[in-house]
N, C-alpha and C. Protein backbone atom coordinates (compact mmCIF):
# COMPACT_ATOMS: atom_id res chain seq x y z
N MET A 1 0.86 -1.19 0.00
CA MET A 1 0.01 -0.01 0.00
C MET A 1 0.95 1.22 -0.02
N PRO A 2 0.66 2.25 -0.79
CA PRO A 2 1.45 3.42 -0.84
C PRO A 2 1.45 4.12 0.49
N ASN A 3 2.57 4.79 0.87
CA ASN A 3 2.61 5.43 2.20
C ASN A 3 1.51 6.41 2.49
N ASN A 4 1.03 7.10 1.40
CA ASN A 4 0.02 8.09 1.63
C ASN A 4 -1.36 7.44 1.84
N MET A 5 -1.47 6.16 1.66
CA MET A 5 -2.76 5.49 1.91
C MET A 5 -2.73 4.72 3.24
N ARG A 6 -1.53 4.54 3.80
CA ARG A 6 -1.42 3.80 5.07
C ARG A 6 -1.79 4.78 6.24
N LYS A 7 -2.14 4.08 7.34
CA LYS A 7 -2.17 4.80 8.59
C LYS A 7 -0.88 4.58 9.35
N THR A 8 -0.42 5.66 9.97
CA THR A 8 0.87 5.57 10.68
C THR A 8 0.61 5.87 12.17
N VAL A 9 1.23 5.12 13.01
CA VAL A 9 1.23 5.40 14.46
C VAL A 9 2.58 5.81 14.85
N ILE A 10 2.72 6.95 15.47
CA ILE A 10 3.98 7.53 15.83
C ILE A 10 4.14 7.49 17.38
N PHE A 11 5.15 6.80 17.85
CA PHE A 11 5.41 6.67 19.30
C PHE A 11 6.45 7.68 19.82
N ASP A 12 6.17 8.27 20.94
CA ASP A 12 7.23 8.90 21.71
C ASP A 12 7.91 7.75 22.54
N LEU A 13 9.03 8.04 23.24
CA LEU A 13 9.67 7.02 24.07
C LEU A 13 9.35 7.25 25.57
N GLY A 14 9.81 8.42 26.07
CA GLY A 14 9.70 8.67 27.50
C GLY A 14 8.23 8.69 27.98
N ASN A 15 7.86 7.90 28.93
CA ASN A 15 6.57 7.75 29.53
C ASN A 15 5.53 7.22 28.54
N VAL A 16 6.09 6.61 27.47
CA VAL A 16 5.20 5.89 26.58
C VAL A 16 5.74 4.44 26.53
N LEU A 17 6.92 4.28 25.92
CA LEU A 17 7.51 2.96 25.91
C LEU A 17 8.53 2.66 27.00
N ILE A 18 9.12 3.78 27.52
CA ILE A 18 10.06 3.67 28.64
C ILE A 18 9.66 4.66 29.73
N ASN A 19 10.02 4.25 31.02
CA ASN A 19 9.72 5.14 32.16
C ASN A 19 10.60 6.31 32.12
N TRP A 20 10.04 7.45 32.43
CA TRP A 20 10.84 8.65 32.64
C TRP A 20 10.33 9.34 33.88
N ALA A 21 10.99 9.24 35.01
CA ALA A 21 10.52 9.66 36.29
C ALA A 21 11.64 10.31 37.07
N PRO A 22 11.91 11.62 36.91
CA PRO A 22 13.06 12.21 37.64
C PRO A 22 13.00 12.05 39.11
N ASP A 23 11.86 12.05 39.78
CA ASP A 23 11.77 11.80 41.21
C ASP A 23 12.30 10.45 41.60
N GLU A 24 11.92 9.53 40.81
CA GLU A 24 12.37 8.04 41.08
C GLU A 24 13.93 7.98 40.82
N ILE A 25 14.36 8.63 39.84
CA ILE A 25 15.87 8.62 39.56
C ILE A 25 16.64 9.24 40.76
N LEU A 26 16.19 10.36 41.26
CA LEU A 26 16.82 11.03 42.39
C LEU A 26 16.70 10.13 43.67
N GLN A 27 15.62 9.47 43.93
CA GLN A 27 15.56 8.56 45.01
C GLN A 27 16.47 7.33 44.86
N ARG A 28 16.58 6.91 43.65
CA ARG A 28 17.46 5.78 43.38
C ARG A 28 18.89 6.11 43.56
N PHE A 29 19.27 7.38 43.21
CA PHE A 29 20.63 7.85 43.32
C PHE A 29 21.15 8.12 44.65
N THR A 30 20.29 8.75 45.47
CA THR A 30 20.75 9.18 46.87
C THR A 30 19.55 9.13 47.79
N ALA A 31 19.90 8.82 49.10
CA ALA A 31 18.84 8.82 50.15
C ALA A 31 18.86 10.21 50.75
N ASP A 32 19.81 11.05 50.44
CA ASP A 32 19.89 12.39 51.11
C ASP A 32 18.95 13.34 50.38
N PRO A 33 17.90 13.87 51.09
CA PRO A 33 16.96 14.80 50.41
C PRO A 33 17.59 16.14 49.91
N VAL A 34 18.61 16.59 50.71
CA VAL A 34 19.30 17.77 50.24
C VAL A 34 20.02 17.60 48.99
N GLU A 35 20.72 16.47 48.89
CA GLU A 35 21.45 16.08 47.75
C GLU A 35 20.52 15.84 46.49
N ARG A 36 19.42 15.31 46.81
CA ARG A 36 18.37 15.11 45.67
C ARG A 36 18.04 16.40 45.06
N GLU A 37 17.79 17.45 45.92
CA GLU A 37 17.39 18.74 45.37
C GLU A 37 18.57 19.37 44.58
N GLN A 38 19.71 19.18 45.02
CA GLN A 38 20.88 19.61 44.23
C GLN A 38 20.90 18.96 42.84
N TYR A 39 20.78 17.72 42.77
CA TYR A 39 20.85 16.99 41.48
C TYR A 39 19.68 17.31 40.63
N ARG A 40 18.52 17.63 41.19
CA ARG A 40 17.31 17.99 40.43
C ARG A 40 17.63 19.13 39.48
N GLN A 41 18.55 20.06 39.79
CA GLN A 41 18.86 21.16 38.96
C GLN A 41 19.35 20.68 37.57
N VAL A 42 19.97 19.53 37.55
CA VAL A 42 20.48 19.04 36.24
C VAL A 42 19.35 18.91 35.21
N PHE A 43 18.23 18.39 35.61
CA PHE A 43 17.06 18.13 34.70
C PHE A 43 16.55 19.43 34.14
N PHE A 44 16.77 20.57 34.83
CA PHE A 44 16.09 21.83 34.32
C PHE A 44 17.24 22.78 33.83
N SER A 45 18.37 22.30 33.59
CA SER A 45 19.50 23.14 33.16
C SER A 45 19.54 23.35 31.61
N GLN A 46 20.12 24.40 31.20
CA GLN A 46 20.26 24.59 29.74
C GLN A 46 21.19 23.49 29.13
N THR A 47 22.09 22.99 29.96
CA THR A 47 22.94 21.95 29.44
C THR A 47 22.18 20.70 29.12
N TRP A 48 21.20 20.36 30.01
CA TRP A 48 20.33 19.24 29.75
C TRP A 48 19.58 19.38 28.43
N LEU A 49 19.01 20.56 28.18
CA LEU A 49 18.34 20.81 26.94
C LEU A 49 19.22 20.69 25.72
N ALA A 50 20.54 21.18 25.93
CA ALA A 50 21.45 21.15 24.84
C ALA A 50 21.90 19.76 24.50
N LEU A 51 21.89 18.81 25.46
CA LEU A 51 22.20 17.46 25.29
C LEU A 51 21.03 16.85 24.48
N ASP A 52 19.85 17.15 24.81
CA ASP A 52 18.63 16.65 24.10
C ASP A 52 18.70 17.12 22.64
N ALA A 53 19.15 18.31 22.44
CA ALA A 53 19.14 18.91 21.12
C ALA A 53 20.35 18.50 20.32
N GLY A 54 21.27 17.78 20.92
CA GLY A 54 22.47 17.46 20.24
C GLY A 54 23.45 18.52 19.93
N LEU A 55 23.43 19.54 20.82
CA LEU A 55 24.21 20.72 20.66
C LEU A 55 25.46 20.80 21.47
N ILE A 56 25.68 19.70 22.28
CA ILE A 56 26.87 19.65 23.14
C ILE A 56 27.31 18.18 23.33
N GLU A 57 28.61 17.98 23.39
CA GLU A 57 29.15 16.64 23.64
C GLU A 57 28.85 16.17 25.07
N TYR A 58 28.73 14.88 25.16
CA TYR A 58 28.42 14.34 26.44
C TYR A 58 29.48 14.69 27.52
N ASP A 59 30.79 14.54 27.17
CA ASP A 59 31.85 14.82 28.06
C ASP A 59 31.87 16.27 28.55
N ASN A 60 31.54 17.21 27.58
CA ASN A 60 31.46 18.62 27.95
C ASN A 60 30.29 18.91 28.87
N ALA A 61 29.16 18.22 28.65
CA ALA A 61 28.00 18.33 29.44
C ALA A 61 28.35 17.93 30.92
N LEU A 62 29.01 16.78 31.02
CA LEU A 62 29.36 16.29 32.36
C LEU A 62 30.24 17.37 33.08
N LYS A 63 31.15 17.98 32.38
CA LYS A 63 31.95 19.01 33.04
C LYS A 63 31.14 20.27 33.52
N LEU A 64 30.13 20.59 32.69
CA LEU A 64 29.25 21.71 33.04
C LEU A 64 28.35 21.35 34.25
N PHE A 65 27.85 20.04 34.25
CA PHE A 65 27.03 19.63 35.40
C PHE A 65 27.96 19.62 36.69
N SER A 66 29.20 19.20 36.48
CA SER A 66 30.19 19.14 37.60
C SER A 66 30.32 20.58 38.20
N LEU A 67 30.53 21.52 37.25
CA LEU A 67 30.63 22.93 37.72
C LEU A 67 29.40 23.45 38.44
N LEU A 68 28.20 23.11 37.82
CA LEU A 68 26.95 23.61 38.24
C LEU A 68 26.65 23.15 39.79
N LEU A 69 27.00 21.82 39.99
CA LEU A 69 26.69 21.26 41.33
C LEU A 69 27.97 21.22 42.26
N GLU A 70 29.07 21.60 41.73
CA GLU A 70 30.33 21.54 42.47
C GLU A 70 30.55 20.10 42.99
N LYS A 71 30.37 19.15 42.05
CA LYS A 71 30.62 17.74 42.32
C LYS A 71 31.64 17.16 41.40
N PRO A 72 32.35 16.17 41.83
CA PRO A 72 33.43 15.60 40.93
C PRO A 72 32.77 14.89 39.72
N LEU A 73 33.56 14.85 38.62
CA LEU A 73 33.11 14.17 37.42
C LEU A 73 32.61 12.77 37.58
N SER A 74 33.35 12.04 38.45
CA SER A 74 32.95 10.71 38.70
C SER A 74 31.52 10.54 39.22
N GLU A 75 31.09 11.56 40.10
CA GLU A 75 29.73 11.51 40.59
C GLU A 75 28.74 11.87 39.62
N MET A 76 29.06 12.75 38.67
CA MET A 76 28.16 13.14 37.61
C MET A 76 27.99 11.97 36.63
N GLU A 77 29.03 11.25 36.39
CA GLU A 77 28.91 10.05 35.55
C GLU A 77 28.03 8.98 36.24
N ARG A 78 28.22 8.85 37.54
CA ARG A 78 27.40 7.89 38.26
C ARG A 78 25.94 8.29 38.22
N PHE A 79 25.71 9.58 38.29
CA PHE A 79 24.28 10.07 38.22
C PHE A 79 23.72 9.80 36.87
N MET A 80 24.45 10.04 35.76
CA MET A 80 23.93 9.85 34.45
C MET A 80 23.75 8.34 34.17
N GLN A 81 24.59 7.53 34.72
CA GLN A 81 24.36 6.11 34.61
C GLN A 81 23.12 5.65 35.33
N THR A 82 22.81 6.23 36.47
CA THR A 82 21.54 5.98 37.15
C THR A 82 20.35 6.44 36.26
N VAL A 83 20.52 7.63 35.62
CA VAL A 83 19.47 8.10 34.71
C VAL A 83 19.21 7.03 33.66
N ARG A 84 20.21 6.51 32.99
CA ARG A 84 20.14 5.55 31.90
C ARG A 84 19.40 4.29 32.36
N GLU A 85 19.90 3.81 33.52
CA GLU A 85 19.46 2.56 34.08
C GLU A 85 17.96 2.58 34.50
N SER A 86 17.43 3.82 34.72
CA SER A 86 16.12 4.02 35.15
C SER A 86 15.08 3.89 34.00
N LEU A 87 15.54 3.85 32.75
CA LEU A 87 14.69 3.85 31.60
C LEU A 87 14.03 2.49 31.40
N ASP A 88 13.20 2.11 32.32
CA ASP A 88 12.66 0.72 32.27
C ASP A 88 11.44 0.74 31.35
N PRO A 89 11.09 -0.50 30.89
CA PRO A 89 10.01 -0.62 29.90
C PRO A 89 8.66 -0.38 30.55
N LEU A 90 7.69 0.15 29.85
CA LEU A 90 6.32 0.29 30.26
C LEU A 90 5.54 -0.69 29.42
N PRO A 91 5.04 -1.71 30.18
CA PRO A 91 4.43 -2.89 29.42
C PRO A 91 3.14 -2.59 28.58
N LEU A 92 2.38 -1.57 28.99
CA LEU A 92 1.15 -1.34 28.22
C LEU A 92 1.35 -0.91 26.83
N ALA A 93 2.18 0.12 26.66
CA ALA A 93 2.49 0.60 25.32
C ALA A 93 3.42 -0.30 24.54
N LEU A 94 4.27 -1.07 25.27
CA LEU A 94 5.11 -2.01 24.62
C LEU A 94 4.27 -3.19 23.95
N ALA A 95 3.26 -3.59 24.68
CA ALA A 95 2.34 -4.53 24.08
C ALA A 95 1.62 -4.05 22.92
N LEU A 96 1.25 -2.73 22.99
CA LEU A 96 0.55 -2.07 21.83
C LEU A 96 1.51 -2.10 20.59
N LEU A 97 2.76 -1.69 20.84
CA LEU A 97 3.74 -1.62 19.78
C LEU A 97 3.90 -2.94 19.04
N HIS A 98 3.98 -4.04 19.86
CA HIS A 98 4.18 -5.38 19.25
C HIS A 98 2.90 -5.83 18.51
N ASP A 99 1.73 -5.46 19.04
CA ASP A 99 0.44 -5.87 18.40
C ASP A 99 0.38 -5.12 17.07
N LEU A 100 0.67 -3.81 17.08
CA LEU A 100 0.60 -3.03 15.83
C LEU A 100 1.56 -3.54 14.84
N ALA A 101 2.75 -3.97 15.29
CA ALA A 101 3.73 -4.56 14.34
C ALA A 101 3.21 -5.86 13.73
N ARG A 102 2.57 -6.69 14.51
CA ARG A 102 1.91 -7.89 13.97
C ARG A 102 0.84 -7.62 12.99
N ARG A 103 0.19 -6.50 13.15
CA ARG A 103 -0.88 -6.12 12.22
C ARG A 103 -0.36 -5.38 11.04
N LYS A 104 0.99 -5.17 10.88
CA LYS A 104 1.60 -4.53 9.85
C LYS A 104 1.28 -3.08 9.72
N VAL A 105 1.01 -2.36 10.90
CA VAL A 105 0.74 -0.98 10.96
C VAL A 105 2.11 -0.23 10.72
N ASP A 106 2.04 0.81 10.04
CA ASP A 106 3.27 1.65 9.78
C ASP A 106 3.62 2.29 11.09
N LEU A 107 4.87 2.12 11.58
CA LEU A 107 5.32 2.54 12.91
C LEU A 107 6.52 3.55 12.78
N ILE A 108 6.48 4.65 13.45
CA ILE A 108 7.53 5.64 13.48
C ILE A 108 7.68 6.06 14.94
N CYS A 109 8.96 6.47 15.24
CA CYS A 109 9.26 6.92 16.55
C CYS A 109 9.79 8.36 16.47
N ILE A 110 9.33 9.29 17.29
CA ILE A 110 9.83 10.68 17.42
C ILE A 110 10.01 10.91 18.96
N SER A 111 11.32 11.14 19.38
CA SER A 111 11.59 11.32 20.74
C SER A 111 12.69 12.33 21.03
N ASN A 112 12.45 13.10 22.08
CA ASN A 112 13.56 13.96 22.63
C ASN A 112 14.54 13.03 23.45
N MET A 113 15.68 12.90 22.93
CA MET A 113 16.61 11.98 23.65
C MET A 113 18.06 12.45 23.32
N PRO A 114 18.95 12.49 24.31
CA PRO A 114 20.33 12.75 24.08
C PRO A 114 20.97 11.47 23.50
N LEU A 115 22.16 11.73 22.89
CA LEU A 115 22.76 10.64 22.14
C LEU A 115 23.23 9.43 23.05
N HIS A 116 23.70 9.88 24.33
CA HIS A 116 24.24 8.83 25.21
C HIS A 116 23.10 7.87 25.64
N ALA A 117 21.95 8.42 25.85
CA ALA A 117 20.80 7.60 26.27
C ALA A 117 20.29 6.84 25.11
N ASP A 118 20.22 7.39 23.94
CA ASP A 118 19.84 6.62 22.76
C ASP A 118 20.66 5.48 22.49
N ALA A 119 22.03 5.64 22.57
CA ALA A 119 22.92 4.54 22.42
C ALA A 119 22.74 3.41 23.44
N TYR A 120 22.46 3.82 24.66
CA TYR A 120 22.21 2.79 25.78
C TYR A 120 20.90 2.04 25.42
N LEU A 121 19.87 2.73 24.98
CA LEU A 121 18.59 2.05 24.74
C LEU A 121 18.61 1.16 23.52
N ARG A 122 19.49 1.57 22.56
CA ARG A 122 19.58 0.71 21.37
C ARG A 122 20.08 -0.67 21.70
N LYS A 123 20.99 -0.74 22.76
CA LYS A 123 21.56 -1.99 23.13
C LYS A 123 20.66 -2.71 24.09
N ARG A 124 19.89 -1.97 24.93
CA ARG A 124 19.07 -2.58 25.95
C ARG A 124 17.77 -3.21 25.35
N TYR A 125 17.22 -2.62 24.39
CA TYR A 125 15.94 -3.07 23.87
C TYR A 125 16.03 -3.51 22.42
N ASP A 126 15.09 -4.41 22.02
CA ASP A 126 15.23 -5.07 20.71
C ASP A 126 14.10 -4.68 19.77
N TYR A 127 13.31 -3.71 20.12
CA TYR A 127 12.16 -3.35 19.32
C TYR A 127 12.38 -2.36 18.23
N TRP A 128 13.60 -1.90 18.11
CA TRP A 128 13.87 -0.76 17.14
C TRP A 128 13.57 -1.12 15.67
N PRO A 129 13.82 -2.41 15.25
CA PRO A 129 13.46 -2.82 13.93
C PRO A 129 11.98 -2.73 13.54
N LEU A 130 11.15 -2.66 14.57
CA LEU A 130 9.67 -2.56 14.27
C LEU A 130 9.32 -1.18 13.70
N PHE A 131 10.14 -0.22 13.93
CA PHE A 131 9.84 1.11 13.37
C PHE A 131 10.42 1.24 11.99
N ARG A 132 9.58 1.83 11.06
CA ARG A 132 10.05 2.17 9.78
C ARG A 132 11.03 3.30 9.81
N GLY A 133 10.82 4.23 10.74
CA GLY A 133 11.63 5.34 10.83
C GLY A 133 11.74 5.79 12.31
N ILE A 134 12.94 6.38 12.70
CA ILE A 134 13.18 6.80 14.07
C ILE A 134 13.80 8.24 13.99
N VAL A 135 13.13 9.21 14.72
CA VAL A 135 13.68 10.55 14.70
C VAL A 135 14.04 10.79 16.18
N ILE A 136 15.38 10.91 16.44
CA ILE A 136 15.86 11.22 17.80
C ILE A 136 16.31 12.72 17.77
N SER A 137 15.89 13.44 18.72
CA SER A 137 16.13 14.93 18.63
C SER A 137 17.61 15.28 18.54
N ALA A 138 18.45 14.53 19.34
CA ALA A 138 19.89 14.84 19.34
C ALA A 138 20.57 14.55 18.03
N GLN A 139 19.97 13.57 17.26
CA GLN A 139 20.61 13.19 15.94
C GLN A 139 20.18 14.27 14.94
N VAL A 140 18.99 14.73 14.97
CA VAL A 140 18.48 15.71 13.96
C VAL A 140 18.58 17.18 14.38
N GLN A 141 18.96 17.38 15.64
CA GLN A 141 19.16 18.71 16.22
C GLN A 141 17.87 19.49 16.14
N LEU A 142 16.79 18.83 16.44
CA LEU A 142 15.42 19.41 16.50
C LEU A 142 14.71 18.85 17.73
N LEU A 143 13.96 19.69 18.38
CA LEU A 143 13.35 19.32 19.67
C LEU A 143 11.80 19.47 19.63
N LYS A 144 11.05 18.47 20.12
CA LYS A 144 9.67 18.74 20.38
C LYS A 144 9.64 19.76 21.55
N PRO A 145 8.63 20.64 21.66
CA PRO A 145 7.46 20.72 20.73
C PRO A 145 7.58 21.64 19.53
N HIS A 146 8.80 21.90 19.14
CA HIS A 146 8.95 22.77 17.91
C HIS A 146 8.39 21.96 16.70
N LEU A 147 7.69 22.74 15.88
CA LEU A 147 7.05 22.07 14.73
C LEU A 147 8.00 21.46 13.77
N ASP A 148 9.27 21.96 13.70
CA ASP A 148 10.28 21.48 12.75
C ASP A 148 10.51 20.06 12.82
N ILE A 149 10.43 19.47 14.01
CA ILE A 149 10.74 18.05 14.16
C ILE A 149 9.67 17.15 13.52
N PHE A 150 8.42 17.67 13.56
CA PHE A 150 7.31 16.96 12.96
C PHE A 150 7.34 17.13 11.44
N HIS A 151 7.68 18.31 11.00
CA HIS A 151 7.82 18.56 9.57
C HIS A 151 8.98 17.67 8.97
N TYR A 152 10.02 17.49 9.77
CA TYR A 152 11.15 16.67 9.30
C TYR A 152 10.66 15.23 9.08
N ALA A 153 9.94 14.72 10.12
CA ALA A 153 9.47 13.35 10.06
C ALA A 153 8.47 13.11 8.92
N ILE A 154 7.62 14.12 8.73
CA ILE A 154 6.60 14.01 7.59
C ILE A 154 7.39 13.91 6.27
N GLU A 155 8.35 14.80 6.08
CA GLU A 155 9.10 14.84 4.81
C GLU A 155 10.01 13.54 4.67
N GLN A 156 10.68 13.27 5.75
CA GLN A 156 11.76 12.15 5.67
C GLN A 156 11.02 10.89 5.41
N TYR A 157 9.85 10.62 5.99
CA TYR A 157 9.24 9.34 5.90
C TYR A 157 7.95 9.36 5.03
N GLN A 158 7.72 10.45 4.38
CA GLN A 158 6.62 10.59 3.49
C GLN A 158 5.32 10.23 4.16
N LEU A 159 5.07 10.83 5.31
CA LEU A 159 3.87 10.62 6.11
C LEU A 159 2.74 11.39 5.55
N ALA A 160 1.55 10.85 5.67
CA ALA A 160 0.26 11.57 5.37
C ALA A 160 -0.23 12.07 6.72
N PRO A 161 -0.09 13.35 7.08
CA PRO A 161 -0.45 13.79 8.39
C PRO A 161 -1.90 13.36 8.81
N ASP A 162 -2.84 13.52 7.94
CA ASP A 162 -4.21 13.22 8.27
C ASP A 162 -4.46 11.74 8.45
N ARG A 163 -3.45 10.92 8.21
CA ARG A 163 -3.58 9.50 8.41
C ARG A 163 -2.53 9.07 9.37
N SER A 164 -2.08 9.95 10.26
CA SER A 164 -1.02 9.69 11.26
C SER A 164 -1.56 10.04 12.57
N LEU A 165 -1.10 9.26 13.62
CA LEU A 165 -1.45 9.52 15.00
C LEU A 165 -0.16 9.41 15.80
N PHE A 166 -0.09 10.46 16.68
CA PHE A 166 1.12 10.59 17.53
C PHE A 166 0.69 10.32 19.02
N ILE A 167 1.45 9.45 19.61
CA ILE A 167 1.25 9.12 21.08
C ILE A 167 2.37 9.70 21.91
N ASP A 168 1.99 10.60 22.82
CA ASP A 168 3.03 11.33 23.61
C ASP A 168 2.38 11.66 24.96
N ASP A 169 3.24 11.63 26.07
CA ASP A 169 2.72 12.01 27.36
C ASP A 169 2.65 13.51 27.62
N SER A 170 3.16 14.34 26.66
CA SER A 170 3.15 15.80 26.82
C SER A 170 2.10 16.49 26.00
N LYS A 171 1.24 17.20 26.68
CA LYS A 171 0.15 17.89 25.98
C LYS A 171 0.79 18.93 24.97
N ALA A 172 1.89 19.62 25.31
CA ALA A 172 2.54 20.53 24.38
C ALA A 172 2.96 19.85 23.19
N ASN A 173 3.53 18.66 23.26
CA ASN A 173 3.96 17.92 22.03
C ASN A 173 2.78 17.44 21.17
N ILE A 174 1.66 17.03 21.83
CA ILE A 174 0.45 16.73 21.09
C ILE A 174 -0.04 17.90 20.36
N ASP A 175 -0.15 19.07 20.99
CA ASP A 175 -0.61 20.27 20.36
C ASP A 175 0.20 20.64 19.20
N ALA A 176 1.55 20.43 19.29
CA ALA A 176 2.41 20.79 18.14
C ALA A 176 2.18 19.87 16.97
N ALA A 177 2.01 18.59 17.30
CA ALA A 177 1.75 17.56 16.17
C ALA A 177 0.43 17.94 15.47
N GLN A 178 -0.55 18.31 16.27
CA GLN A 178 -1.88 18.68 15.70
C GLN A 178 -1.76 19.88 14.79
N LYS A 179 -0.89 20.78 15.14
CA LYS A 179 -0.64 22.00 14.28
C LYS A 179 -0.09 21.57 13.01
N CYS A 180 0.51 20.41 12.88
CA CYS A 180 1.04 19.93 11.63
C CYS A 180 0.09 18.96 10.99
N GLY A 181 -1.16 18.86 11.48
CA GLY A 181 -2.16 17.99 10.87
C GLY A 181 -2.20 16.62 11.33
N ILE A 182 -1.38 16.30 12.25
CA ILE A 182 -1.23 14.90 12.86
C ILE A 182 -2.17 14.78 14.08
N GLN A 183 -2.97 13.71 14.05
CA GLN A 183 -3.84 13.46 15.23
C GLN A 183 -3.00 13.09 16.40
N GLY A 184 -3.53 13.17 17.61
CA GLY A 184 -2.76 12.88 18.83
C GLY A 184 -3.49 12.15 19.93
N VAL A 185 -2.76 11.39 20.67
CA VAL A 185 -3.27 10.83 21.91
C VAL A 185 -2.38 11.28 22.95
N TRP A 186 -2.95 12.05 23.88
CA TRP A 186 -2.21 12.50 25.09
C TRP A 186 -2.18 11.37 26.09
N TYR A 187 -1.07 10.62 26.03
CA TYR A 187 -1.02 9.32 26.68
C TYR A 187 -0.62 9.40 28.14
N GLN A 188 -1.42 8.68 29.06
CA GLN A 188 -1.12 8.74 30.47
C GLN A 188 -0.90 7.35 31.02
N ASN A 189 -0.34 6.46 30.20
CA ASN A 189 0.03 5.06 30.56
C ASN A 189 -1.24 4.35 31.07
N ASP A 190 -2.40 4.47 30.30
CA ASP A 190 -3.58 3.87 30.73
C ASP A 190 -4.28 3.16 29.53
N GLN A 191 -5.27 2.37 29.86
CA GLN A 191 -5.95 1.68 28.85
C GLN A 191 -6.78 2.59 27.96
N ALA A 192 -7.23 3.67 28.48
CA ALA A 192 -7.99 4.66 27.61
C ALA A 192 -7.14 5.17 26.49
N GLY A 193 -5.82 5.44 26.72
CA GLY A 193 -4.99 5.81 25.59
C GLY A 193 -4.84 4.76 24.54
N ILE A 194 -4.67 3.56 24.98
CA ILE A 194 -4.49 2.36 24.06
C ILE A 194 -5.76 2.25 23.18
N GLU A 195 -6.96 2.44 23.80
CA GLU A 195 -8.19 2.24 23.03
C GLU A 195 -8.30 3.42 22.01
N GLN A 196 -7.82 4.57 22.29
CA GLN A 196 -7.84 5.67 21.32
C GLN A 196 -7.08 5.28 20.08
N VAL A 197 -5.96 4.60 20.27
CA VAL A 197 -5.12 4.16 19.14
C VAL A 197 -5.92 3.18 18.24
N TYR A 198 -6.63 2.24 18.88
CA TYR A 198 -7.38 1.19 18.07
C TYR A 198 -8.52 1.89 17.34
N ARG A 199 -9.15 2.94 18.09
CA ARG A 199 -10.24 3.65 17.36
C ARG A 199 -9.75 4.32 16.15
N PHE A 200 -8.63 4.96 16.25
CA PHE A 200 -7.98 5.65 15.08
C PHE A 200 -7.82 4.68 13.94
N LEU A 201 -7.32 3.47 14.19
CA LEU A 201 -7.01 2.53 13.14
C LEU A 201 -8.29 1.94 12.58
N ASN A 202 -9.31 1.94 13.36
CA ASN A 202 -10.61 1.35 12.90
C ASN A 202 -11.52 2.40 12.15
N GLN A 203 -11.07 3.65 12.16
CA GLN A 203 -11.91 4.74 11.52
C GLN A 203 -11.96 4.53 10.03
């Protein structure tokens, strides 16, 4: 079937296929509540955004985090390893992904993800070949919710926006996709979101 006749389901990664929970990461990393609040700054720093956007090398980011928190580089690396190891699978959407693959649904992935985490996830999980196309923010240097990342995916993979559905846990990202003509499921890791996907496919 030509791509413009097929329906496409587009998956985000964080809080769709994999867990993304900064509070849990901080609890896993340290029992000290004061230290947790220190390390929380990392998630909201410009350096973190630059990593997601592929605008800074990982080693340079570690140095900046080290300066920000006044912590040794070895501790920053231990923290980032904790971040990576926390990216556990979410069974509900994972089962959906495999079911859609069995049904030969066209599957695409669009995710904000730094290169170091992407490399880790490629080794840890085996579902990547199920996607016809994968757009990782740090690789293309485009970030959700900017419209450009959706335009990139549409052009790169010849998507028909009106026959495409994007699953994401962020309302801002869903709104951006909809501005590009793509339908959206604001996913909250529940059965209601899964049912919306099947309704879209049955329309």
